[in-house]
Amino acid sequence: MSDSRAEAIAEAYGTFQRMQDDNQNAVLRMFAGLNDVTPLLPQGHIRQSRARSEERIKTISALNGIEGQGNGYFLSFSTAFINHSCRPNSFVYFNPDTQSVTLHTLRAIDKDEEITISYMQEDPYHTRSERQQLLANAPTEENHYEAMSHLRQLVETMEDEQLESLELSLCYVEQARIFALVGDERGWRGKMRKALQLRLLCLGADHPSSVDLALQVHQ
């Protein structure tokens, strides 16, 4: 976990060398670019040397890292493997501080090319033209009950898939805010505790956001 993308990439090789063997092997299996020939090389010293090169490790960090919505930059094994099952892989990041949205992709996107940013939709069998038509005509507003339903569905999906991540921690915080608005202190505290558990798991106890969340839970 690093405070910024640039810092994570710069420190990637040193971080990799300090990892345990199992974690190193998981990193080495991650996507390392369209021009990565390492998987095509025969087993041996040359393949091992190229796979563990500083340049390749930094490339893996750049292509597989995720910005944690104001909480830094990190490599998520499960999310990386899921995301890279499609081409081109893409990741949408919303920065609440600047109120801006950034789309990261593995390669340039051609004009009118359809990309996948989410696997959640009402009907997975829509044709490309049907999806584009739905997107063009999609309403831009929803009521609070619809928003709460979508958030609950997102949390349940991530829990079922056991995606223990910062994203799920942030979802718990949003659910806690809803409980606070309706005056349900027990519900608020339960969701905040779940958010804190994941924050400690992903960032550690000394991270500022973990400390801040702990103070809120135990206030």
Protein backbone atom coordinates (compact mmCIF):
# COMPACT_ATOMS: atom_id res chain seq x y z
CA MET A 1 0.00 0.00 0.00
CA SER A 2 1.41 3.41 -1.03
CA ASP A 3 0.15 6.96 -0.74
CA SER A 4 0.27 7.57 -4.52
CA ARG A 5 0.51 5.70 -7.83
CA ALA A 6 3.92 7.18 -8.64
CA GLU A 7 5.29 6.19 -5.23
CA ALA A 8 3.91 2.65 -5.53
CA ILE A 9 5.53 2.08 -8.92
CA ALA A 10 8.86 3.54 -7.77
CA GLU A 11 8.89 1.30 -4.68
CA ALA A 12 7.39 -1.77 -6.38
CA TYR A 13 10.62 -3.74 -6.79
CA GLY A 14 11.77 -3.20 -3.21
CA THR A 15 8.31 -4.15 -1.92
CA PHE A 16 8.32 -7.27 -4.09
CA GLN A 17 11.69 -8.42 -2.72
CA ARG A 18 10.36 -8.19 0.85
CA MET A 19 7.31 -10.37 0.09
CA GLN A 20 6.95 -14.00 1.06
CA ASP A 21 7.36 -16.57 -1.73
CA ASP A 22 3.62 -17.24 -2.11
CA ASN A 23 2.87 -13.55 -2.56
CA GLN A 24 5.77 -13.13 -4.97
CA ASN A 25 4.46 -15.98 -7.12
CA ALA A 26 1.00 -14.38 -7.15
CA VAL A 27 2.48 -11.07 -8.32
CA LEU A 28 4.51 -12.77 -11.05
CA ARG A 29 1.31 -14.28 -12.51
CA MET A 30 -0.27 -10.85 -12.93
CA PHE A 31 -0.64 -9.15 -16.30
CA ALA A 32 2.66 -7.51 -17.33
CA GLY A 33 1.70 -5.86 -20.62
CA LEU A 34 0.79 -6.94 -24.14
CA ASN A 35 4.47 -7.22 -25.10
CA ASP A 36 5.48 -9.41 -22.15
CA VAL A 37 7.14 -12.53 -23.57
CA THR A 38 8.01 -14.11 -20.21
CA PRO A 39 5.13 -16.67 -20.26
CA LEU A 40 6.38 -17.86 -23.67
CA LEU A 41 9.95 -18.58 -22.52
CA PRO A 42 11.02 -22.12 -21.55
CA GLN A 43 11.53 -22.89 -17.88
CA GLY A 44 14.99 -21.97 -16.70
CA HIS A 45 17.29 -19.23 -15.45
CA ILE A 46 16.51 -16.78 -18.27
CA ARG A 47 12.77 -16.99 -17.68
CA GLN A 48 13.15 -16.61 -13.92
CA SER A 49 15.50 -13.66 -14.32
CA ARG A 50 13.21 -11.87 -16.77
CA ALA A 51 10.08 -12.59 -14.72
CA ARG A 52 11.65 -11.06 -11.60
CA SER A 53 13.31 -8.10 -13.31
CA GLU A 54 12.81 -4.66 -11.78
CA GLU A 55 11.29 -3.29 -15.00
CA ARG A 56 8.68 -6.08 -15.19
CA ILE A 57 7.71 -5.76 -11.51
CA LYS A 58 7.19 -2.00 -11.96
CA THR A 59 5.08 -2.66 -15.07
CA ILE A 60 2.92 -5.13 -13.12
CA SER A 61 2.44 -2.52 -10.40
CA ALA A 62 1.46 0.13 -12.95
CA LEU A 63 -1.03 -2.09 -14.80
CA ASN A 64 -2.63 -3.89 -11.85
CA GLY A 65 -2.67 -1.29 -9.10
CA ILE A 66 -5.86 0.36 -7.92
CA GLU A 67 -6.39 3.82 -6.49
CA GLY A 68 -8.32 3.41 -3.27
CA GLN A 69 -10.54 6.48 -3.55
CA GLY A 70 -8.40 8.86 -1.55
CA ASN A 71 -6.77 6.10 0.54
CA GLY A 72 -3.69 5.46 -1.60
CA TYR A 73 -2.62 2.95 -4.25
CA PHE A 74 -2.38 -0.82 -3.82
CA LEU A 75 -2.19 -4.17 -5.60
CA SER A 76 -5.29 -6.30 -5.18
CA PHE A 77 -4.73 -9.89 -6.33
CA SER A 78 -8.39 -10.94 -6.64
CA THR A 79 -9.53 -7.73 -8.31
CA ALA A 80 -6.62 -7.77 -10.76
CA PHE A 81 -7.39 -11.32 -11.90
CA ILE A 82 -11.09 -10.52 -12.34
CA ASN A 83 -10.47 -7.26 -14.20
CA HIS A 84 -8.01 -8.76 -16.65
CA SER A 85 -10.47 -11.33 -17.93
CA CYS A 86 -11.67 -8.75 -20.47
CA ARG A 87 -9.94 -6.64 -23.12
CA PRO A 88 -9.28 -3.85 -22.79
CA ASN A 89 -9.17 -3.99 -19.04
CA SER A 90 -10.42 -0.79 -17.44
CA PHE A 91 -10.83 0.66 -13.98
CA VAL A 92 -12.91 3.70 -13.08
CA TYR A 93 -11.72 5.80 -10.15
CA PHE A 94 -13.70 8.61 -8.53
CA ASN A 95 -11.67 11.12 -6.52
CA PRO A 96 -14.00 12.68 -3.93
CA ASP A 97 -11.51 15.47 -3.18
CA THR A 98 -11.45 16.82 -6.74
CA GLN A 99 -14.88 15.48 -7.76
CA SER A 100 -13.31 13.98 -10.88
CA VAL A 101 -13.52 10.61 -12.59
CA THR A 102 -10.49 8.88 -14.14
CA LEU A 103 -10.66 5.88 -16.46
CA HIS A 104 -7.52 3.69 -16.53
CA THR A 105 -7.11 1.18 -19.39
CA LEU A 106 -4.35 -1.14 -20.54
CA ARG A 107 -4.28 0.32 -24.05
CA ALA A 108 -5.73 3.16 -26.09
CA ILE A 109 -9.48 2.93 -26.71
CA ASP A 110 -10.64 3.34 -30.29
CA LYS A 111 -13.51 5.67 -31.13
CA ASP A 112 -16.90 3.97 -30.61
CA GLU A 113 -15.23 0.94 -28.99
CA GLU A 114 -17.22 -0.63 -26.17
CA ILE A 115 -15.36 -1.36 -22.95
CA THR A 116 -16.32 -3.18 -19.75
CA ILE A 117 -16.28 -1.22 -16.51
CA SER A 118 -18.72 -3.41 -14.58
CA TYR A 119 -20.14 -6.92 -14.80
CA MET A 120 -23.34 -5.92 -13.03
CA GLN A 121 -26.33 -5.28 -15.31
CA GLU A 122 -29.99 -6.19 -15.43
CA ASP A 123 -29.69 -8.44 -18.48
CA PRO A 124 -26.26 -9.84 -19.46
CA TYR A 125 -27.65 -10.95 -22.83
CA HIS A 126 -28.30 -7.49 -24.24
CA THR A 127 -26.68 -6.90 -27.62
CA ARG A 128 -24.11 -4.14 -28.07
CA SER A 129 -26.65 -1.86 -29.76
CA GLU A 130 -29.21 -2.51 -27.01
CA ARG A 131 -26.65 -1.66 -24.31
CA GLN A 132 -25.69 1.56 -26.07
CA GLN A 133 -29.34 2.52 -26.46
CA LEU A 134 -29.99 1.87 -22.77
CA LEU A 135 -26.96 3.92 -21.84
CA ALA A 136 -28.06 6.83 -24.03
CA ASN A 137 -31.56 6.81 -22.55
CA ALA A 138 -30.57 6.02 -18.96
CA PRO A 139 -32.00 8.43 -16.39
CA THR A 140 -29.48 10.47 -14.46
CA GLU A 141 -31.43 10.62 -11.21
CA GLU A 142 -32.64 8.02 -8.73
CA ASN A 143 -34.42 8.22 -5.44
CA HIS A 144 -32.88 7.36 -2.09
CA TYR A 145 -34.59 3.97 -1.92
CA GLU A 146 -33.13 2.94 -5.28
CA ALA A 147 -29.68 4.12 -4.20
CA MET A 148 -29.94 2.14 -0.96
CA SER A 149 -31.01 -0.94 -2.89
CA HIS A 150 -28.09 -0.66 -5.31
CA LEU A 151 -25.65 -0.19 -2.44
CA ARG A 152 -27.05 -3.24 -0.63
CA GLN A 153 -26.78 -5.32 -3.81
CA LEU A 154 -23.17 -4.20 -4.32
CA VAL A 155 -22.21 -5.09 -0.74
CA GLU A 156 -23.91 -8.49 -0.92
CA THR A 157 -22.14 -9.29 -4.19
CA MET A 158 -18.71 -8.34 -2.83
CA GLU A 159 -19.34 -10.32 0.37
CA ASP A 160 -20.45 -13.39 -1.61
CA GLU A 161 -17.29 -13.18 -3.73
CA GLN A 162 -15.21 -12.62 -0.56
CA LEU A 163 -13.63 -9.49 -2.04
CA GLU A 164 -12.14 -8.07 1.14
CA SER A 165 -11.02 -4.68 -0.14
CA LEU A 166 -11.00 -0.95 0.49
CA GLU A 167 -13.96 -0.63 -1.85
CA LEU A 168 -16.06 -2.84 0.42
CA SER A 169 -14.88 -0.86 3.45
CA LEU A 170 -16.08 2.34 1.77
CA CYS A 171 -19.43 0.72 1.00
CA TYR A 172 -19.84 -0.18 4.68
CA VAL A 173 -19.17 3.46 5.58
CA GLU A 174 -21.88 4.59 3.15
CA GLN A 175 -24.33 2.11 4.68
CA ALA A 176 -23.40 3.39 8.13
CA ARG A 177 -24.23 6.94 7.03
CA ILE A 178 -27.67 5.78 5.95
CA PHE A 179 -28.27 4.17 9.36
CA ALA A 180 -27.13 7.41 11.01
CA LEU A 181 -29.61 9.45 8.94
CA VAL A 182 -32.53 7.28 10.12
CA GLY A 183 -31.32 7.30 13.73
CA ASP A 184 -30.31 3.63 13.93
CA GLU A 185 -27.19 3.79 16.13
CA ARG A 186 -26.87 0.00 16.40
CA GLY A 187 -26.92 -0.38 12.61
CA TRP A 188 -24.45 2.50 12.22
CA ARG A 189 -21.99 1.00 14.70
CA GLY A 190 -22.23 -2.47 13.16
CA LYS A 191 -21.38 -1.24 9.67
CA MET A 192 -18.62 1.04 10.94
CA ARG A 193 -17.01 -1.88 12.77
CA LYS A 194 -17.05 -3.93 9.57
CA ALA A 195 -15.53 -0.99 7.69
CA LEU A 196 -12.81 -0.67 10.32
CA GLN A 197 -11.95 -4.39 10.19
CA LEU A 198 -11.33 -4.18 6.44
CA ARG A 199 -9.46 -0.88 6.74
CA LEU A 200 -7.10 -2.46 9.29
CA LEU A 201 -6.67 -5.52 7.06
CA CYS A 202 -5.89 -3.48 3.93
CA LEU A 203 -4.00 -0.51 5.33
CA GLY A 204 -2.81 -1.41 8.81
CA ALA A 205 -3.50 0.18 12.18
CA ASP A 206 -1.11 3.10 11.68
CA HIS A 207 -2.69 4.45 8.49
CA PRO A 208 -4.43 7.84 9.00
CA SER A 209 -7.76 6.63 7.61
CA SER A 210 -7.68 3.59 9.93
CA VAL A 211 -6.98 5.81 12.91
CA ASP A 212 -9.77 8.22 11.95
CA LEU A 213 -12.27 5.38 11.49
CA ALA A 214 -11.29 3.82 14.82
CA LEU A 215 -11.90 7.12 16.60
CA GLN A 216 -15.36 7.36 15.04
CA VAL A 217 -16.26 3.79 16.04
CA HIS A 218 -15.11 4.19 19.63
CA GLN A 219 -16.32 7.74 20.22
